[in-house]
Every structure is written in C-alpha cells, then in structure tokens.
PDB file of all heavy atoms in Angstrom:
ATOM      1  N   GLY A   1     -15.974  -4.807  17.289  1.00  0.00           N
ATOM      2  CA  GLY A   1     -16.919  -5.082  16.227  1.00  0.00           C
ATOM      3  C   GLY A   1     -16.276  -5.795  15.069  1.00  0.00           C
ATOM      4  O   GLY A   1     -15.062  -5.908  14.950  1.00  0.00           O
ATOM      5  N   SER A   2     -17.100  -6.287  14.177  1.00  0.00           N
ATOM      6  CA  SER A   2     -16.623  -7.021  13.010  1.00  0.00           C
ATOM      7  C   SER A   2     -16.786  -6.171  11.768  1.00  0.00           C
ATOM      8  O   SER A   2     -17.818  -5.539  11.569  1.00  0.00           O
ATOM      9  CB  SER A   2     -17.407  -8.332  12.865  1.00  0.00           C
ATOM     10  OG  SER A   2     -17.007  -9.033  11.718  1.00  0.00           O
ATOM     11  N   VAL A   3     -15.736  -6.142  10.951  1.00  0.00           N
ATOM     12  CA  VAL A   3     -15.752  -5.340   9.735  1.00  0.00           C
ATOM     13  C   VAL A   3     -15.362  -6.222   8.572  1.00  0.00           C
ATOM     14  O   VAL A   3     -14.367  -6.938   8.618  1.00  0.00           O
ATOM     15  CB  VAL A   3     -14.769  -4.144   9.837  1.00  0.00           C
ATOM     16  CG1 VAL A   3     -14.830  -3.309   8.576  1.00  0.00           C
ATOM     17  CG2 VAL A   3     -15.096  -3.303  11.049  1.00  0.00           C
ATOM     18  N   SER A   4     -16.123  -6.173   7.513  1.00  0.00           N
ATOM     19  CA  SER A   4     -15.783  -6.938   6.320  1.00  0.00           C
ATOM     20  C   SER A   4     -14.555  -6.358   5.647  1.00  0.00           C
ATOM     21  O   SER A   4     -14.369  -5.143   5.602  1.00  0.00           O
ATOM     22  CB  SER A   4     -16.956  -6.911   5.329  1.00  0.00           C
ATOM     23  OG  SER A   4     -16.559  -7.375   4.062  1.00  0.00           O
ATOM     24  N   GLY A   5     -13.704  -7.224   5.111  1.00  0.00           N
ATOM     25  CA  GLY A   5     -12.499  -6.770   4.435  1.00  0.00           C
ATOM     26  C   GLY A   5     -12.797  -5.928   3.211  1.00  0.00           C
ATOM     27  O   GLY A   5     -11.938  -5.215   2.715  1.00  0.00           O
ATOM     28  N   LEU A   6     -14.031  -5.995   2.685  1.00  0.00           N
ATOM     29  CA  LEU A   6     -14.375  -5.214   1.506  1.00  0.00           C
ATOM     30  C   LEU A   6     -14.805  -3.797   1.856  1.00  0.00           C
ATOM     31  O   LEU A   6     -14.988  -2.966   0.979  1.00  0.00           O
ATOM     32  CB  LEU A   6     -15.505  -5.912   0.723  1.00  0.00           C
ATOM     33  CG  LEU A   6     -15.169  -7.279   0.136  1.00  0.00           C
ATOM     34  CD1 LEU A   6     -16.404  -7.856  -0.556  1.00  0.00           C
ATOM     35  CD2 LEU A   6     -14.016  -7.197  -0.856  1.00  0.00           C
ATOM     36  N   ASP A   7     -14.969  -3.512   3.149  1.00  0.00           N
ATOM     37  CA  ASP A   7     -15.486  -2.211   3.574  1.00  0.00           C
ATOM     38  C   ASP A   7     -14.389  -1.231   3.929  1.00  0.00           C
ATOM     39  O   ASP A   7     -14.684  -0.104   4.317  1.00  0.00           O
ATOM     40  CB  ASP A   7     -16.419  -2.383   4.787  1.00  0.00           C
ATOM     41  CG  ASP A   7     -17.642  -3.213   4.449  1.00  0.00           C
ATOM     42  OD1 ASP A   7     -18.081  -3.173   3.289  1.00  0.00           O
ATOM     43  OD2 ASP A   7     -18.126  -3.908   5.354  1.00  0.00           O
ATOM     44  N   VAL A   8     -13.140  -1.632   3.868  1.00  0.00           N
ATOM     45  CA  VAL A   8     -12.049  -0.777   4.313  1.00  0.00           C
ATOM     46  C   VAL A   8     -11.013  -0.629   3.206  1.00  0.00           C
ATOM     47  O   VAL A   8     -10.940  -1.412   2.270  1.00  0.00           O
ATOM     48  CB  VAL A   8     -11.379  -1.349   5.579  1.00  0.00           C
ATOM     49  CG1 VAL A   8     -12.352  -1.360   6.745  1.00  0.00           C
ATOM     50  CG2 VAL A   8     -10.854  -2.762   5.323  1.00  0.00           C
ATOM     51  N   THR A   9     -10.195   0.409   3.353  1.00  0.00           N
ATOM     52  CA  THR A   9      -9.159   0.697   2.380  1.00  0.00           C
ATOM     53  C   THR A   9      -7.902  -0.111   2.688  1.00  0.00           C
ATOM     54  O   THR A   9      -7.480  -0.194   3.842  1.00  0.00           O
ATOM     55  CB  THR A   9      -8.823   2.196   2.393  1.00  0.00           C
ATOM     56  OG1 THR A   9     -10.007   2.937   2.098  1.00  0.00           O
ATOM     57  CG2 THR A   9      -7.752   2.532   1.370  1.00  0.00           C
ATOM     58  N   HIS A  10      -7.318  -0.688   1.643  1.00  0.00           N
ATOM     59  CA  HIS A  10      -6.107  -1.483   1.802  1.00  0.00           C
ATOM     60  C   HIS A  10      -4.957  -0.876   1.004  1.00  0.00           C
ATOM     61  O   HIS A  10      -5.137  -0.428  -0.131  1.00  0.00           O
ATOM     62  CB  HIS A  10      -6.324  -2.928   1.327  1.00  0.00           C
ATOM     63  CG  HIS A  10      -7.166  -3.739   2.258  1.00  0.00           C
ATOM     64  ND1 HIS A  10      -8.537  -3.700   2.240  1.00  0.00           N
ATOM     65  CD2 HIS A  10      -6.822  -4.595   3.253  1.00  0.00           C
ATOM     66  CE1 HIS A  10      -9.012  -4.513   3.187  1.00  0.00           C
ATOM     67  NE2 HIS A  10      -7.993  -5.068   3.812  1.00  0.00           N
ATOM     68  N   GLY A  11      -3.778  -0.859   1.633  1.00  0.00           N
ATOM     69  CA  GLY A  11      -2.557  -0.496   0.946  1.00  0.00           C
ATOM     70  C   GLY A  11      -1.893  -1.756   0.425  1.00  0.00           C
ATOM     71  O   GLY A  11      -2.095  -2.840   0.978  1.00  0.00           O
ATOM     72  N   THR A  12      -1.099  -1.607  -0.624  1.00  0.00           N
ATOM     73  CA  THR A  12      -0.561  -2.817  -1.248  1.00  0.00           C
ATOM     74  C   THR A  12       0.970  -2.859  -1.230  1.00  0.00           C
ATOM     75  O   THR A  12       1.554  -2.920  -0.167  1.00  0.00           O
ATOM     76  CB  THR A  12      -1.117  -2.993  -2.668  1.00  0.00           C
ATOM     77  OG1 THR A  12      -0.998  -1.752  -3.378  1.00  0.00           O
ATOM     78  CG2 THR A  12      -2.577  -3.357  -2.619  1.00  0.00           C
ATOM     79  N   THR A  13       1.622  -2.790  -2.371  1.00  0.00           N
ATOM     80  CA  THR A  13       2.985  -3.288  -2.483  1.00  0.00           C
ATOM     81  C   THR A  13       4.068  -2.333  -1.976  1.00  0.00           C
ATOM     82  O   THR A  13       4.115  -1.157  -2.367  1.00  0.00           O
ATOM     83  CB  THR A  13       3.276  -3.637  -3.958  1.00  0.00           C
ATOM     84  OG1 THR A  13       2.213  -4.456  -4.444  1.00  0.00           O
ATOM     85  CG2 THR A  13       4.583  -4.374  -4.091  1.00  0.00           C
ATOM     86  N   ILE A  14       4.955  -2.881  -1.127  1.00  0.00           N
ATOM     87  CA  ILE A  14       6.129  -2.179  -0.609  1.00  0.00           C
ATOM     88  C   ILE A  14       7.358  -3.011  -0.949  1.00  0.00           C
ATOM     89  O   ILE A  14       7.351  -4.230  -0.808  1.00  0.00           O
ATOM     90  CB  ILE A  14       6.050  -1.994   0.920  1.00  0.00           C
ATOM     91  CG1 ILE A  14       4.762  -1.255   1.315  1.00  0.00           C
ATOM     92  CG2 ILE A  14       7.278  -1.252   1.437  1.00  0.00           C
ATOM     93  CD1 ILE A  14       4.670   0.158   0.823  1.00  0.00           C
ATOM     94  N   VAL A  15       8.426  -2.353  -1.388  1.00  0.00           N
ATOM     95  CA  VAL A  15       9.662  -3.039  -1.767  1.00  0.00           C
ATOM     96  C   VAL A  15      10.834  -2.354  -1.071  1.00  0.00           C
ATOM     97  O   VAL A  15      10.876  -1.121  -0.963  1.00  0.00           O
ATOM     98  CB  VAL A  15       9.873  -2.990  -3.297  1.00  0.00           C
ATOM     99  CG1 VAL A  15      11.168  -3.691  -3.684  1.00  0.00           C
ATOM    100  CG2 VAL A  15       8.702  -3.627  -4.031  1.00  0.00           C
ATOM    101  N   ALA A  16      11.792  -3.142  -0.594  1.00  0.00           N
ATOM    102  CA  ALA A  16      13.010  -2.598  -0.006  1.00  0.00           C
ATOM    103  C   ALA A  16      14.204  -3.407  -0.485  1.00  0.00           C
ATOM    104  O   ALA A  16      14.098  -4.613  -0.718  1.00  0.00           O
ATOM    105  CB  ALA A  16      12.942  -2.622   1.521  1.00  0.00           C
ATOM    106  N   ALA A  17      15.353  -2.737  -0.635  1.00  0.00           N
ATOM    107  CA  ALA A  17      16.579  -3.403  -1.069  1.00  0.00           C
ATOM    108  C   ALA A  17      17.775  -2.690  -0.453  1.00  0.00           C
ATOM    109  O   ALA A  17      17.801  -1.457  -0.363  1.00  0.00           O
ATOM    110  CB  ALA A  17      16.689  -3.405  -2.594  1.00  0.00           C
ATOM    111  N   THR A  18      18.749  -3.473  -0.018  1.00  0.00           N
ATOM    112  CA  THR A  18      19.974  -2.883   0.506  1.00  0.00           C
ATOM    113  C   THR A  18      20.919  -2.547  -0.644  1.00  0.00           C
ATOM    114  O   THR A  18      20.841  -3.133  -1.726  1.00  0.00           O
ATOM    115  CB  THR A  18      20.682  -3.849   1.475  1.00  0.00           C
ATOM    116  OG1 THR A  18      20.980  -5.071   0.792  1.00  0.00           O
ATOM    117  CG2 THR A  18      19.798  -4.152   2.683  1.00  0.00           C
ATOM    118  N   PHE A  19      21.807  -1.594  -0.399  1.00  0.00           N
ATOM    119  CA  PHE A  19      22.843  -1.266  -1.370  1.00  0.00           C
ATOM    120  C   PHE A  19      24.116  -0.929  -0.608  1.00  0.00           C
ATOM    121  O   PHE A  19      24.129  -0.940   0.630  1.00  0.00           O
ATOM    122  CB  PHE A  19      22.398  -0.114  -2.283  1.00  0.00           C
ATOM    123  CG  PHE A  19      22.172   1.200  -1.575  1.00  0.00           C
ATOM    124  CD1 PHE A  19      23.198   2.119  -1.428  1.00  0.00           C
ATOM    125  CD2 PHE A  19      20.913   1.514  -1.070  1.00  0.00           C
ATOM    126  CE1 PHE A  19      22.985   3.326  -0.770  1.00  0.00           C
ATOM    127  CE2 PHE A  19      20.691   2.722  -0.420  1.00  0.00           C
ATOM    128  CZ  PHE A  19      21.737   3.627  -0.271  1.00  0.00           C
ATOM    129  N   ASP A  20      25.178  -0.678  -1.331  1.00  0.00           N
ATOM    130  CA  ASP A  20      26.459  -0.408  -0.702  1.00  0.00           C
ATOM    131  C   ASP A  20      26.431   0.957  -0.027  1.00  0.00           C
ATOM    132  O   ASP A  20      26.686   1.977  -0.659  1.00  0.00           O
ATOM    133  CB  ASP A  20      27.572  -0.454  -1.755  1.00  0.00           C
ATOM    134  CG  ASP A  20      28.965  -0.354  -1.129  1.00  0.00           C
ATOM    135  OD1 ASP A  20      29.086  -0.601   0.078  1.00  0.00           O
ATOM    136  OD2 ASP A  20      29.918  -0.023  -1.868  1.00  0.00           O
ATOM    137  N   GLY A  21      26.066   0.961   1.243  1.00  0.00           N
ATOM    138  CA  GLY A  21      26.007   2.209   1.991  1.00  0.00           C
ATOM    139  C   GLY A  21      24.662   2.508   2.606  1.00  0.00           C
ATOM    140  O   GLY A  21      24.505   3.526   3.284  1.00  0.00           O
ATOM    141  N   GLY A  22      23.661   1.631   2.412  1.00  0.00           N
ATOM    142  CA  GLY A  22      22.368   1.905   3.015  1.00  0.00           C
ATOM    143  C   GLY A  22      21.278   0.991   2.523  1.00  0.00           C
ATOM    144  O   GLY A  22      21.518  -0.135   2.085  1.00  0.00           O
ATOM    145  N   VAL A  23      20.070   1.504   2.573  1.00  0.00           N
ATOM    146  CA  VAL A  23      18.893   0.733   2.172  1.00  0.00           C
ATOM    147  C   VAL A  23      17.885   1.682   1.535  1.00  0.00           C
ATOM    148  O   VAL A  23      17.782   2.855   1.927  1.00  0.00           O
ATOM    149  CB  VAL A  23      18.275   0.005   3.393  1.00  0.00           C
ATOM    150  CG1 VAL A  23      17.859   0.992   4.475  1.00  0.00           C
ATOM    151  CG2 VAL A  23      17.104  -0.878   2.987  1.00  0.00           C
ATOM    152  N   VAL A  24      17.178   1.194   0.532  1.00  0.00           N
ATOM    153  CA  VAL A  24      16.149   1.982  -0.135  1.00  0.00           C
ATOM    154  C   VAL A  24      14.806   1.277   0.014  1.00  0.00           C
ATOM    155  O   VAL A  24      14.743   0.042  -0.002  1.00  0.00           O
ATOM    156  CB  VAL A  24      16.480   2.193  -1.634  1.00  0.00           C
ATOM    157  CG1 VAL A  24      16.675   0.881  -2.347  1.00  0.00           C
ATOM    158  CG2 VAL A  24      15.415   3.007  -2.340  1.00  0.00           C
ATOM    159  N   MET A  25      13.750   2.047   0.214  1.00  0.00           N
ATOM    160  CA  MET A  25      12.394   1.501   0.295  1.00  0.00           C
ATOM    161  C   MET A  25      11.488   2.291  -0.633  1.00  0.00           C
ATOM    162  O   MET A  25      11.581   3.519  -0.713  1.00  0.00           O
ATOM    163  CB  MET A  25      11.850   1.550   1.724  1.00  0.00           C
ATOM    164  CG  MET A  25      10.426   1.010   1.859  1.00  0.00           C
ATOM    165  SD  MET A  25       9.791   1.021   3.564  1.00  0.00           S
ATOM    166  CE  MET A  25      10.714  -0.329   4.275  1.00  0.00           C
ATOM    167  N   GLY A  26      10.621   1.579  -1.341  1.00  0.00           N
ATOM    168  CA  GLY A  26       9.673   2.228  -2.234  1.00  0.00           C
ATOM    169  C   GLY A  26       8.298   1.628  -2.093  1.00  0.00           C
ATOM    170  O   GLY A  26       8.149   0.447  -1.764  1.00  0.00           O
ATOM    171  N   GLY A  27       7.292   2.431  -2.330  1.00  0.00           N
ATOM    172  CA  GLY A  27       5.915   1.951  -2.262  1.00  0.00           C
ATOM    173  C   GLY A  27       5.095   2.521  -3.401  1.00  0.00           C
ATOM    174  O   GLY A  27       5.302   3.681  -3.810  1.00  0.00           O
ATOM    175  N   ASP A  28       4.196   1.710  -3.933  1.00  0.00           N
ATOM    176  CA  ASP A  28       3.288   2.235  -4.950  1.00  0.00           C
ATOM    177  C   ASP A  28       2.289   3.171  -4.276  1.00  0.00           C
ATOM    178  O   ASP A  28       2.260   3.295  -3.049  1.00  0.00           O
ATOM    179  CB  ASP A  28       2.581   1.092  -5.689  1.00  0.00           C
ATOM    180  CG  ASP A  28       1.413   0.529  -4.914  1.00  0.00           C
ATOM    181  OD1 ASP A  28       1.632   0.050  -3.786  1.00  0.00           O
ATOM    182  OD2 ASP A  28       0.274   0.565  -5.419  1.00  0.00           O
ATOM    183  N   ARG A  29       1.418   3.818  -5.045  1.00  0.00           N
ATOM    184  CA  ARG A  29       0.555   4.866  -4.489  1.00  0.00           C
ATOM    185  C   ARG A  29      -0.915   4.482  -4.465  1.00  0.00           C
ATOM    186  O   ARG A  29      -1.746   5.293  -4.052  1.00  0.00           O
ATOM    187  CB  ARG A  29       0.714   6.158  -5.313  1.00  0.00           C
ATOM    188  CG  ARG A  29       2.139   6.639  -5.501  1.00  0.00           C
ATOM    189  CD  ARG A  29       2.779   7.038  -4.185  1.00  0.00           C
ATOM    190  NE  ARG A  29       2.071   8.141  -3.586  1.00  0.00           N
ATOM    191  CZ  ARG A  29       2.282   9.430  -3.910  1.00  0.00           C
ATOM    192  NH1 ARG A  29       3.166   9.752  -4.839  1.00  0.00           N
ATOM    193  NH2 ARG A  29       1.614  10.392  -3.309  1.00  0.00           N
ATOM    194  N   ARG A  30      -1.266   3.276  -4.888  1.00  0.00           N
ATOM    195  CA  ARG A  30      -2.664   2.902  -5.006  1.00  0.00           C
ATOM    196  C   ARG A  30      -3.195   2.278  -3.719  1.00  0.00           C
ATOM    197  O   ARG A  30      -2.535   1.449  -3.089  1.00  0.00           O
ATOM    198  CB  ARG A  30      -2.870   1.923  -6.155  1.00  0.00           C
ATOM    199  CG  ARG A  30      -4.317   1.428  -6.324  1.00  0.00           C
ATOM    200  CD  ARG A  30      -4.469   0.566  -7.559  1.00  0.00           C
ATOM    201  NE  ARG A  30      -4.278   1.366  -8.782  1.00  0.00           N
ATOM    202  CZ  ARG A  30      -4.281   0.859 -10.003  1.00  0.00           C
ATOM    203  NH1 ARG A  30      -4.443  -0.438 -10.189  1.00  0.00           N
ATOM    204  NH2 ARG A  30      -4.123   1.648 -11.050  1.00  0.00           N
ATOM    205  N   ALA A  31      -4.402   2.675  -3.329  1.00  0.00           N
ATOM    206  CA  ALA A  31      -5.142   2.024  -2.243  1.00  0.00           C
ATOM    207  C   ALA A  31      -6.465   1.536  -2.809  1.00  0.00           C
ATOM    208  O   ALA A  31      -7.101   2.228  -3.607  1.00  0.00           O
ATOM    209  CB  ALA A  31      -5.389   3.000  -1.090  1.00  0.00           C
ATOM    210  N   THR A  32      -6.866   0.338  -2.410  1.00  0.00           N
ATOM    211  CA  THR A  32      -8.075  -0.262  -2.961  1.00  0.00           C
ATOM    212  C   THR A  32      -9.108  -0.533  -1.873  1.00  0.00           C
ATOM    213  O   THR A  32      -8.779  -0.677  -0.700  1.00  0.00           O
ATOM    214  CB  THR A  32      -7.747  -1.581  -3.681  1.00  0.00           C
ATOM    215  OG1 THR A  32      -7.129  -2.488  -2.751  1.00  0.00           O
ATOM    216  CG2 THR A  32      -6.820  -1.344  -4.846  1.00  0.00           C
ATOM    217  N   MET A  33     -10.354  -0.608  -2.301  1.00  0.00           N
ATOM    218  CA  MET A  33     -11.463  -0.996  -1.440  1.00  0.00           C
ATOM    219  C   MET A  33     -12.265  -2.031  -2.226  1.00  0.00           C
ATOM    220  O   MET A  33     -13.108  -1.693  -3.046  1.00  0.00           O
ATOM    221  CB  MET A  33     -12.326   0.208  -1.068  1.00  0.00           C
ATOM    222  CG  MET A  33     -13.422  -0.093  -0.049  1.00  0.00           C
ATOM    223  SD  MET A  33     -14.410   1.386   0.346  1.00  0.00           S
ATOM    224  CE  MET A  33     -13.175   2.448   1.094  1.00  0.00           C
ATOM    225  N   GLY A  34     -11.933  -3.302  -1.997  1.00  0.00           N
ATOM    226  CA  GLY A  34     -12.504  -4.344  -2.827  1.00  0.00           C
ATOM    227  C   GLY A  34     -11.928  -4.223  -4.225  1.00  0.00           C
ATOM    228  O   GLY A  34     -10.714  -4.197  -4.417  1.00  0.00           O
ATOM    229  N   ASN A  35     -12.802  -4.122  -5.225  1.00  0.00           N
ATOM    230  CA  ASN A  35     -12.333  -3.968  -6.607  1.00  0.00           C
ATOM    231  C   ASN A  35     -12.317  -2.516  -7.063  1.00  0.00           C
ATOM    232  O   ASN A  35     -12.165  -2.236  -8.252  1.00  0.00           O
ATOM    233  CB  ASN A  35     -13.219  -4.797  -7.552  1.00  0.00           C
ATOM    234  CG  ASN A  35     -14.647  -4.257  -7.612  1.00  0.00           C
ATOM    235  OD1 ASN A  35     -15.134  -3.708  -6.632  1.00  0.00           O
ATOM    236  ND2 ASN A  35     -15.300  -4.420  -8.749  1.00  0.00           N
ATOM    237  N   VAL A  36     -12.440  -1.591  -6.109  1.00  0.00           N
ATOM    238  CA  VAL A  36     -12.489  -0.161  -6.428  1.00  0.00           C
ATOM    239  C   VAL A  36     -11.178   0.500  -6.008  1.00  0.00           C
ATOM    240  O   VAL A  36     -10.620   0.179  -4.952  1.00  0.00           O
ATOM    241  CB  VAL A  36     -13.665   0.522  -5.700  1.00  0.00           C
ATOM    242  CG1 VAL A  36     -13.664   2.030  -5.942  1.00  0.00           C
ATOM    243  CG2 VAL A  36     -14.991  -0.085  -6.149  1.00  0.00           C
ATOM    244  N   ILE A  37     -10.670   1.414  -6.830  1.00  0.00           N
ATOM    245  CA  ILE A  37      -9.506   2.210  -6.446  1.00  0.00           C
ATOM    246  C   ILE A  37      -9.983   3.295  -5.486  1.00  0.00           C
ATOM    247  O   ILE A  37     -10.713   4.207  -5.879  1.00  0.00           O
ATOM    248  CB  ILE A  37      -8.831   2.835  -7.678  1.00  0.00           C
ATOM    249  CG1 ILE A  37      -8.297   1.742  -8.603  1.00  0.00           C
ATOM    250  CG2 ILE A  37      -7.686   3.752  -7.239  1.00  0.00           C
ATOM    251  CD1 ILE A  37      -7.701   2.269  -9.886  1.00  0.00           C
ATOM    252  N   ALA A  38      -9.587   3.186  -4.228  1.00  0.00           N
ATOM    253  CA  ALA A  38     -10.029   4.135  -3.213  1.00  0.00           C
ATOM    254  C   ALA A  38      -9.211   5.414  -3.239  1.00  0.00           C
ATOM    255  O   ALA A  38      -9.716   6.501  -2.959  1.00  0.00           O
ATOM    256  CB  ALA A  38      -9.953   3.491  -1.830  1.00  0.00           C
ATOM    257  N   GLN A  39      -7.925   5.300  -3.550  1.00  0.00           N
ATOM    258  CA  GLN A  39      -7.050   6.474  -3.605  1.00  0.00           C
ATOM    259  C   GLN A  39      -5.896   6.171  -4.541  1.00  0.00           C
ATOM    260  O   GLN A  39      -5.354   5.063  -4.542  1.00  0.00           O
ATOM    261  CB  GLN A  39      -6.522   6.833  -2.205  1.00  0.00           C
ATOM    262  CG  GLN A  39      -5.772   8.147  -2.151  1.00  0.00           C
ATOM    263  CD  GLN A  39      -5.395   8.541  -0.733  1.00  0.00           C
ATOM    264  OE1 GLN A  39      -5.903   7.975   0.233  1.00  0.00           O
ATOM    265  NE2 GLN A  39      -4.510   9.512  -0.599  1.00  0.00           N
ATOM    266  N   ARG A  40      -5.491   7.167  -5.325  1.00  0.00           N
ATOM    267  CA  ARG A  40      -4.429   6.953  -6.307  1.00  0.00           C
ATOM    268  C   ARG A  40      -3.065   7.455  -5.840  1.00  0.00           C
ATOM    269  O   ARG A  40      -2.048   7.147  -6.469  1.00  0.00           O
ATOM    270  CB  ARG A  40      -4.785   7.650  -7.624  1.00  0.00           C
ATOM    271  CG  ARG A  40      -6.077   7.152  -8.254  1.00  0.00           C
ATOM    272  CD  ARG A  40      -6.361   7.881  -9.552  1.00  0.00           C
ATOM    273  NE  ARG A  40      -7.688   7.544 -10.069  1.00  0.00           N
ATOM    274  CZ  ARG A  40      -7.943   6.488 -10.819  1.00  0.00           C
ATOM    275  NH1 ARG A  40      -6.966   5.666 -11.137  1.00  0.00           N
ATOM    276  NH2 ARG A  40      -9.171   6.239 -11.254  1.00  0.00           N
ATOM    277  N   ASP A  41      -3.033   8.249  -4.776  1.00  0.00           N
ATOM    278  CA  ASP A  41      -1.761   8.841  -4.362  1.00  0.00           C
ATOM    279  C   ASP A  41      -1.529   8.718  -2.864  1.00  0.00           C
ATOM    280  O   ASP A  41      -0.994   9.606  -2.213  1.00  0.00           O
ATOM    281  CB  ASP A  41      -1.710  10.308  -4.773  1.00  0.00           C
ATOM    282  CG  ASP A  41      -2.832  11.139  -4.146  1.00  0.00           C
ATOM    283  OD1 ASP A  41      -3.747  10.547  -3.530  1.00  0.00           O
ATOM    284  OD2 ASP A  41      -2.787  12.376  -4.268  1.00  0.00           O
ATOM    285  N   ILE A  42      -1.898   7.580  -2.281  1.00  0.00           N
ATOM    286  CA  ILE A  42      -1.737   7.378  -0.859  1.00  0.00           C
ATOM    287  C   ILE A  42      -0.255   7.275  -0.501  1.00  0.00           C
ATOM    288  O   ILE A  42       0.570   6.824  -1.296  1.00  0.00           O
ATOM    289  CB  ILE A  42      -2.481   6.092  -0.399  1.00  0.00           C
ATOM    290  CG1 ILE A  42      -2.510   6.002   1.130  1.00  0.00           C
ATOM    291  CG2 ILE A  42      -1.856   4.852  -1.020  1.00  0.00           C
ATOM    292  CD1 ILE A  42      -3.366   4.860   1.642  1.00  0.00           C
ATOM    293  N   GLN A  43       0.094   7.722   0.680  1.00  0.00           N
ATOM    294  CA  GLN A  43       1.465   7.582   1.178  1.00  0.00           C
ATOM    295  C   GLN A  43       1.576   6.272   1.948  1.00  0.00           C
ATOM    296  O   GLN A  43       0.802   6.009   2.865  1.00  0.00           O
ATOM    297  CB  GLN A  43       1.846   8.746   2.094  1.00  0.00           C
ATOM    298  CG  GLN A  43       3.273   8.636   2.634  1.00  0.00           C
ATOM    299  CD  GLN A  43       3.664   9.804   3.515  1.00  0.00           C
ATOM    300  OE1 GLN A  43       2.912  10.782   3.647  1.00  0.00           O
ATOM    301  NE2 GLN A  43       4.832   9.740   4.124  1.00  0.00           N
ATOM    302  N   LYS A  44       2.536   5.441   1.574  1.00  0.00           N
ATOM    303  CA  LYS A  44       2.710   4.137   2.223  1.00  0.00           C
ATOM    304  C   LYS A  44       4.069   3.972   2.886  1.00  0.00           C
ATOM    305  O   LYS A  44       4.300   2.981   3.565  1.00  0.00           O
ATOM    306  CB  LYS A  44       2.520   3.009   1.207  1.00  0.00           C
ATOM    307  CG  LYS A  44       1.157   2.982   0.534  1.00  0.00           C
ATOM    308  CD  LYS A  44       1.061   1.826  -0.442  1.00  0.00           C
ATOM    309  CE  LYS A  44      -0.227   1.888  -1.234  1.00  0.00           C
ATOM    310  NZ  LYS A  44      -0.300   0.802  -2.239  1.00  0.00           N
TER     311      LYS A  44
END
C-alpha cells in the first residue's frame, strides 16, 4: 500500500565520532509527524 510521508512518525538527527580508543554515537530524542512533535523522548 501507499502511505503519505505526513502520516508516519520520523526520527531525525544521529551523530557519531571516533576518538582515541573507540567511537561514540548520539541521537536527539524528538520524533515528528509532519509539523507535529509525535514524541519527545524516542530512542534512536
């Protein structure tokens, strides 16, 4: 089936960086549905 991109929840920004001994990854907690905040504490 076809689903409009405005009808579903989207996760956004993920950042990763290497350091001396490993790598770190971080993600913000906001999920959006169009112009609406769908969730404020989503795990990404």
